[in-house]
């Protein structure tokens, strides 16, 4: 059994929906003090109400993760309201699908700013609070897309997610002086609002390509984040864990057919 996280101060960016909401649920059930940072007040309010009902002491914060001043203000206010900062879950991200032939430079820059540059912004803003506490945990939501696999239309998304893994290697060394770890969770195909928008045929095809024959749920990612945030994971840093039901393992469709 993991040491209790009850009462610890946690921030989840992009925590109002999708994987971020699943991460927030797992921490809420652990009884943490929780800030859900996102862009839309109505979605934040709905998520905060759910997390409080699950056992958290939750609050919301409107934040534009592409703007450093907005990020720093959100982190500082969360730490002030929650008595410091113990865990930062860097989850905010987007995955618009557009092939390179149709992709504009602005499309590329927007995904990089939202997914990758914001990772740097959020971690940087948290450093003074980890330094003050003498400890900390950072959990980054990356993906198998980019670091391991590719998919047409997601060259910008894949590059941003691979970039996050490159970032955490050096960040782990620099954060070590503050007794702070940083690790990444790499989801495969997880059922979210965004994934459902790709259509029922896509969902069925993807489920059939996974050895466990099902898509993941958001709590699968939340549980991995919960482990990285635990005391028991204190000697793990600069690493990543794939949570994909075995999706990246088969070398061909024939391999799956022989199961």
Protein backbone atom coordinates (compact mmCIF):
# COMPACT_ATOMS: atom_id res chain seq x y z
CA UNK A 1 0.00 0.00 0.00
CA UNK A 2 1.30 3.45 -0.92
CA UNK A 3 1.84 6.07 1.76
CA UNK A 4 -1.23 8.30 2.03
CA UNK A 5 -1.25 11.52 0.02
CA UNK A 6 -4.09 12.92 2.13
CA UNK A 7 -3.77 16.65 2.69
CA UNK A 8 -1.00 17.18 0.14
CA UNK A 9 -1.17 20.09 -2.28
CA UNK A 10 -1.68 19.14 -5.92
CA UNK A 11 -2.13 21.05 -9.20
CA UNK A 12 -3.52 19.39 -12.33
CA UNK A 13 -3.37 21.46 -15.50
CA UNK A 14 -6.00 20.62 -18.09
CA UNK A 15 -7.86 18.97 -15.24
CA UNK A 16 -11.42 19.85 -16.23
CA UNK A 17 -11.88 17.08 -18.80
CA UNK A 18 -10.32 14.06 -20.47
CA UNK A 19 -7.22 12.46 -19.03
CA UNK A 20 -6.65 15.44 -16.75
CA UNK A 21 -10.02 14.92 -15.11
CA UNK A 22 -9.19 11.26 -14.60
CA UNK A 23 -5.92 12.24 -12.93
CA UNK A 24 -7.79 14.73 -10.77
CA UNK A 25 -10.30 12.04 -9.72
CA UNK A 26 -7.54 9.72 -8.54
CA UNK A 27 -5.95 12.44 -6.45
CA UNK A 28 -9.35 13.60 -5.15
CA UNK A 29 -10.08 10.11 -3.84
CA UNK A 30 -6.76 10.30 -1.99
CA UNK A 31 -8.05 13.36 -0.11
CA UNK A 32 -5.64 15.99 -1.42
CA UNK A 33 -5.89 19.75 -1.63
CA UNK A 34 -6.39 20.22 -5.34
CA UNK A 35 -6.27 23.02 -7.90
CA UNK A 36 -7.78 22.27 -11.30
CA UNK A 37 -6.37 24.65 -13.90
CA UNK A 38 -8.06 24.98 -17.27
CA UNK A 39 -9.42 27.56 -19.70
CA UNK A 40 -13.19 27.49 -19.28
CA UNK A 41 -14.92 28.45 -16.04
CA UNK A 42 -18.04 26.31 -16.51
CA UNK A 43 -15.96 23.17 -17.07
CA UNK A 44 -13.70 24.03 -14.13
CA UNK A 45 -16.66 24.57 -11.82
CA UNK A 46 -18.17 21.23 -12.82
CA UNK A 47 -14.89 19.42 -12.20
CA UNK A 48 -14.30 21.15 -8.86
CA UNK A 49 -17.75 20.09 -7.65
CA UNK A 50 -17.02 16.47 -8.60
CA UNK A 51 -13.61 16.46 -6.90
CA UNK A 52 -15.01 17.90 -3.68
CA UNK A 53 -17.69 15.20 -3.69
CA UNK A 54 -14.95 12.57 -4.08
CA UNK A 55 -13.06 13.76 -1.00
CA UNK A 56 -10.72 16.51 -2.17
CA UNK A 57 -10.53 20.08 -0.99
CA UNK A 58 -10.70 21.44 -4.51
CA UNK A 59 -10.55 24.83 -6.15
CA UNK A 60 -10.37 26.00 -9.74
CA UNK A 61 -8.15 28.39 -11.65
CA UNK A 62 -8.56 29.82 -15.12
CA UNK A 63 -5.18 29.58 -16.79
CA UNK A 64 -3.70 30.02 -20.26
CA UNK A 65 -0.78 27.60 -20.23
CA UNK A 66 0.77 29.28 -23.28
CA UNK A 67 1.27 32.50 -21.26
CA UNK A 68 3.97 32.42 -18.60
CA UNK A 69 2.47 35.19 -16.47
CA UNK A 70 -0.85 33.31 -16.36
CA UNK A 71 0.90 30.09 -15.40
CA UNK A 72 3.03 31.70 -12.70
CA UNK A 73 0.02 33.45 -11.20
CA UNK A 74 -1.95 30.19 -11.15
CA UNK A 75 0.86 28.26 -9.47
CA UNK A 76 1.57 30.98 -6.89
CA UNK A 77 -2.11 31.34 -5.99
CA UNK A 78 -2.55 27.58 -5.69
CA UNK A 79 0.44 27.30 -3.39
CA UNK A 80 -0.81 30.19 -1.27
CA UNK A 81 -4.30 28.71 -0.99
CA UNK A 82 -3.12 25.16 -0.30
CA UNK A 83 -0.20 25.81 2.04
CA UNK A 84 2.54 25.07 -0.47
CA UNK A 85 2.93 22.73 -3.41
CA UNK A 86 3.71 19.02 -3.27
CA UNK A 87 2.65 17.62 -6.65
CA UNK A 88 2.42 19.22 -10.09
CA UNK A 89 0.64 17.28 -12.83
CA UNK A 90 1.51 18.82 -16.20
CA UNK A 91 -1.33 17.55 -18.33
CA UNK A 92 -2.77 20.38 -20.44
CA UNK A 93 -2.55 19.63 -24.14
CA UNK A 94 -4.31 19.56 -27.49
CA UNK A 95 -4.22 17.16 -30.45
CA UNK A 96 -5.81 18.69 -33.54
CA UNK A 97 -5.42 16.40 -36.54
CA UNK A 98 -4.04 17.96 -39.72
CA UNK A 99 -1.57 16.55 -42.24
CA UNK A 100 1.61 18.45 -42.99
CA UNK A 101 0.52 19.41 -46.50
CA UNK A 102 -2.39 21.34 -44.96
CA UNK A 103 -0.67 22.44 -41.75
CA UNK A 104 0.19 26.11 -41.36
CA UNK A 105 3.17 27.39 -39.38
CA UNK A 106 0.62 28.82 -36.95
CA UNK A 107 -0.93 25.36 -36.49
CA UNK A 108 2.48 23.95 -35.62
CA UNK A 109 3.36 26.77 -33.24
CA UNK A 110 0.02 26.57 -31.42
CA UNK A 111 0.45 22.86 -30.63
CA UNK A 112 4.06 23.38 -29.54
CA UNK A 113 3.09 26.29 -27.31
CA UNK A 114 0.18 24.43 -25.71
CA UNK A 115 1.86 21.05 -25.25
CA UNK A 116 5.61 21.60 -24.97
CA UNK A 117 6.41 25.20 -24.09
CA UNK A 118 3.74 25.08 -21.39
CA UNK A 119 5.53 22.13 -19.81
CA UNK A 120 8.59 24.32 -19.31
CA UNK A 121 6.46 27.24 -18.12
CA UNK A 122 4.62 25.20 -15.50
CA UNK A 123 7.66 23.43 -14.11
CA UNK A 124 9.63 26.68 -13.96
CA UNK A 125 6.82 28.41 -12.07
CA UNK A 126 6.74 25.58 -9.52
CA UNK A 127 10.47 25.55 -8.73
CA UNK A 128 10.39 28.27 -6.02
CA UNK A 129 7.68 26.34 -4.18
CA UNK A 130 9.55 23.04 -4.37
CA UNK A 131 12.68 24.81 -3.17
CA UNK A 132 10.79 26.26 -0.20
CA UNK A 133 9.30 22.87 0.69
CA UNK A 134 12.55 20.98 0.13
CA UNK A 135 10.75 18.37 -1.94
CA UNK A 136 8.31 17.88 -4.79
CA UNK A 137 6.88 15.70 -7.52
CA UNK A 138 6.20 16.52 -11.16
CA UNK A 139 4.19 14.17 -13.39
CA UNK A 140 4.02 14.96 -17.11
CA UNK A 141 1.37 13.51 -19.42
CA UNK A 142 3.19 12.60 -22.63
CA UNK A 143 2.00 9.97 -25.14
CA UNK A 144 3.10 6.94 -27.10
CA UNK A 145 2.41 9.04 -30.22
CA UNK A 146 5.67 10.72 -31.11
CA UNK A 147 8.12 9.00 -28.77
CA UNK A 148 7.19 5.47 -29.98
CA UNK A 149 4.53 5.56 -32.71
CA UNK A 150 3.28 7.89 -35.42
CA UNK A 151 -0.08 8.68 -36.96
CA UNK A 152 -0.92 10.78 -40.03
CA UNK A 153 -2.06 14.25 -39.03
CA UNK A 154 -0.24 14.35 -35.73
CA UNK A 155 3.31 15.31 -36.68
CA UNK A 156 3.12 18.45 -34.52
CA UNK A 157 1.49 16.60 -31.64
CA UNK A 158 4.00 13.74 -31.83
CA UNK A 159 6.92 16.14 -31.90
CA UNK A 160 5.58 17.97 -28.84
CA UNK A 161 5.15 14.74 -26.90
CA UNK A 162 8.61 13.46 -27.81
CA UNK A 163 9.93 16.87 -26.78
CA UNK A 164 8.42 16.46 -23.33
CA UNK A 165 10.43 13.28 -22.80
CA UNK A 166 13.59 15.08 -23.86
CA UNK A 167 12.76 17.89 -21.44
CA UNK A 168 12.32 15.65 -18.39
CA UNK A 169 15.79 14.11 -18.75
CA UNK A 170 17.61 17.35 -18.06
CA UNK A 171 14.85 18.69 -15.82
CA UNK A 172 15.33 15.65 -13.58
CA UNK A 173 18.95 16.62 -13.02
CA UNK A 174 18.18 20.28 -12.39
CA UNK A 175 15.27 19.54 -10.05
CA UNK A 176 17.28 17.05 -8.01
CA UNK A 177 18.83 19.89 -5.98
CA UNK A 178 15.32 20.63 -4.69
CA UNK A 179 14.69 16.96 -3.82
CA UNK A 180 12.09 16.96 -6.59
CA UNK A 181 11.42 14.21 -9.12
CA UNK A 182 9.92 14.49 -12.59
CA UNK A 183 8.54 11.58 -14.58
CA UNK A 184 6.16 11.03 -17.48
CA UNK A 185 3.16 8.85 -18.18
CA UNK A 186 2.75 7.81 -21.82
CA UNK A 187 -0.89 6.95 -22.55
CA UNK A 188 -1.97 4.84 -25.45
CA UNK A 189 -5.55 5.10 -26.68
CA UNK A 190 -7.64 6.28 -23.74
CA UNK A 191 -11.38 6.89 -23.97
CA UNK A 192 -11.92 10.64 -23.70
CA UNK A 193 -14.21 13.22 -25.25
CA UNK A 194 -11.53 14.00 -27.84
CA UNK A 195 -10.99 10.37 -28.83
CA UNK A 196 -14.71 9.72 -29.11
CA UNK A 197 -14.85 12.56 -31.61
CA UNK A 198 -12.73 10.51 -33.99
CA UNK A 199 -15.66 8.17 -34.58
CA UNK A 200 -16.91 4.72 -33.62
CA UNK A 201 -15.03 2.98 -36.44
CA UNK A 202 -11.72 4.43 -35.18
CA UNK A 203 -12.47 3.29 -31.63
CA UNK A 204 -13.27 -0.26 -32.74
CA UNK A 205 -10.20 -0.47 -34.96
CA UNK A 206 -7.94 0.76 -32.19
CA UNK A 207 -9.41 -1.63 -29.62
CA UNK A 208 -8.76 -4.53 -32.01
CA UNK A 209 -5.11 -3.47 -32.36
CA UNK A 210 -4.49 -3.70 -28.59
CA UNK A 211 -3.58 -7.06 -27.01
CA UNK A 212 -5.99 -6.43 -24.10
CA UNK A 213 -8.71 -5.77 -26.73
CA UNK A 214 -9.99 -2.60 -25.12
CA UNK A 215 -9.19 1.07 -24.86
CA UNK A 216 -7.95 2.47 -21.60
CA UNK A 217 -9.91 4.66 -19.21
CA UNK A 218 -8.71 7.96 -17.82
CA UNK A 219 -8.20 6.49 -14.35
CA UNK A 220 -5.58 4.14 -15.81
CA UNK A 221 -3.42 7.23 -16.38
CA UNK A 222 -4.44 8.75 -13.05
CA UNK A 223 -3.29 5.67 -11.16
CA UNK A 224 0.14 5.86 -12.80
CA UNK A 225 0.36 9.55 -11.89
CA UNK A 226 -0.62 8.71 -8.33
CA UNK A 227 2.30 6.27 -8.10
CA UNK A 228 4.83 8.77 -9.42
CA UNK A 229 3.53 11.26 -6.82
CA UNK A 230 3.94 8.81 -3.97
CA UNK A 231 6.73 8.58 -1.40
CA UNK A 232 7.45 5.10 -2.71
CA UNK A 233 8.47 6.56 -6.10
CA UNK A 234 10.97 8.90 -4.50
CA UNK A 235 14.01 7.27 -6.13
CA UNK A 236 12.55 7.35 -9.65
CA UNK A 237 13.20 10.44 -11.77
CA UNK A 238 13.62 11.31 -15.44
CA UNK A 239 11.72 8.18 -16.42
CA UNK A 240 8.54 7.30 -18.28
CA UNK A 241 5.96 4.55 -18.12
CA UNK A 242 3.83 3.37 -21.03
CA UNK A 243 0.16 2.76 -20.17
CA UNK A 244 -1.37 1.35 -23.36
CA UNK A 245 -2.76 -2.16 -22.83
CA UNK A 246 0.19 -3.56 -24.78
CA UNK A 247 -0.58 -1.53 -27.91
CA UNK A 248 3.05 -0.94 -28.93
CA UNK A 249 4.12 -4.58 -28.45
CA UNK A 250 2.90 -6.50 -31.56
CA UNK A 251 5.20 -6.24 -34.55
CA UNK A 252 2.35 -6.97 -36.97
CA UNK A 253 -1.37 -7.65 -37.22
CA UNK A 254 -0.45 -11.32 -37.67
CA UNK A 255 1.09 -11.27 -34.20
CA UNK A 256 -2.24 -10.19 -32.76
CA UNK A 257 -4.14 -12.78 -34.77
CA UNK A 258 -2.07 -15.58 -33.25
CA UNK A 259 -2.97 -14.69 -29.65
